[in-house]
Amino acid sequence: MSKIEFPAQQKEQLIQKLQKYMSKELDIELGQFDADFLLDFISKEMGAIYYNQGLYDAQAVLVDKMESITDAIYQLEQ
């Protein structure tokens, strides 16, 4: 899997969300620099897990659709 990278605007939004969460839930004030490093860490260490789950979910949808197509083809048989 390639490195997870976000467009600058999206990365800024994610950093702000991290800062807000840390402040509200953990009473920790996280600066821009530290939040950026935390986001990079989360992306590097956990990103693949979320990415793979997304692939598994997409695969399950695809399998379901293929079964529907197979059923439709069987119904067309004479």
Protein backbone atom coordinates (compact mmCIF):
# COMPACT_ATOMS: atom_id res chain seq x y z
CA MET A 1 0.00 0.00 0.00
CA SER A 2 1.28 3.44 -0.83
CA LYS A 3 1.69 6.21 1.74
CA ILE A 4 -1.57 7.88 2.73
CA GLU A 5 -1.46 11.55 1.80
CA PHE A 6 -4.19 14.15 2.05
CA PRO A 7 -4.68 17.35 0.06
CA ALA A 8 -3.52 20.38 2.08
CA GLN A 9 -7.04 21.63 2.83
CA GLN A 10 -8.26 18.21 3.95
CA LYS A 11 -5.15 17.70 6.10
CA GLU A 12 -5.75 21.06 7.77
CA GLN A 13 -9.34 20.03 8.56
CA LEU A 14 -8.15 16.73 10.04
CA ILE A 15 -5.55 18.53 12.15
CA GLN A 16 -8.21 20.90 13.47
CA LYS A 17 -10.46 17.95 14.33
CA LEU A 18 -7.62 16.28 16.22
CA GLN A 19 -6.89 19.48 18.12
CA LYS A 20 -10.56 19.94 18.99
CA TYR A 21 -10.93 16.32 20.14
CA MET A 22 -7.78 16.39 22.25
CA SER A 23 -8.86 19.64 23.88
CA LYS A 24 -12.48 18.69 24.51
CA GLU A 25 -12.15 15.03 25.46
CA LEU A 26 -8.67 14.84 27.00
CA ASP A 27 -8.06 18.42 28.12
CA ILE A 28 -4.82 18.51 26.11
CA GLU A 29 -3.92 21.54 24.03
CA LEU A 30 -2.21 20.26 20.90
CA GLY A 31 -0.32 22.71 18.74
CA GLN A 32 -0.38 22.70 14.94
CA PHE A 33 3.03 21.04 14.68
CA ASP A 34 2.22 18.28 17.19
CA ALA A 35 -1.20 17.65 15.66
CA ASP A 36 0.43 17.31 12.24
CA PHE A 37 2.85 14.70 13.61
CA LEU A 38 0.01 12.87 15.37
CA LEU A 39 -1.99 12.74 12.14
CA ASP A 40 1.05 11.38 10.29
CA PHE A 41 1.51 8.74 13.00
CA ILE A 42 -2.14 7.68 12.88
CA SER A 43 -2.06 7.51 9.09
CA LYS A 44 1.15 5.48 9.04
CA GLU A 45 0.37 3.09 11.88
CA MET A 46 -3.40 2.63 11.49
CA GLY A 47 -4.22 3.79 7.99
CA ALA A 48 -3.65 0.37 6.44
CA ILE A 49 -6.15 -1.22 8.82
CA TYR A 50 -8.89 1.21 7.78
CA TYR A 51 -7.89 0.93 4.13
CA ASN A 52 -8.05 -2.86 4.22
CA GLN A 53 -11.43 -2.80 5.97
CA GLY A 54 -12.70 -0.54 3.19
CA LEU A 55 -11.46 -3.07 0.64
CA TYR A 56 -13.19 -5.93 2.49
CA ASP A 57 -16.42 -3.94 2.60
CA ALA A 58 -16.19 -3.15 -1.12
CA GLN A 59 -15.46 -6.80 -1.87
CA ALA A 60 -18.55 -7.89 0.10
CA VAL A 61 -20.73 -5.46 -1.87
CA LEU A 62 -19.25 -6.73 -5.13
CA VAL A 63 -19.85 -10.38 -4.18
CA ASP A 64 -23.46 -9.55 -3.29
CA LYS A 65 -24.00 -7.81 -6.64
CA MET A 66 -22.42 -10.71 -8.54
CA GLU A 67 -24.76 -13.14 -6.79
CA SER A 68 -27.71 -10.97 -7.83
CA ILE A 69 -26.50 -10.97 -11.43
CA THR A 70 -26.01 -14.75 -11.33
CA ASP A 71 -29.56 -15.18 -10.01
CA ALA A 72 -30.92 -12.91 -12.76
CA ILE A 73 -29.10 -14.94 -15.42
CA TYR A 74 -30.52 -18.21 -14.04
CA GLN A 75 -34.01 -16.72 -14.21
CA LEU A 76 -33.47 -15.92 -17.90
CA GLU A 77 -32.52 -19.50 -18.75
CA GLN A 78 -35.11 -21.48 -20.67
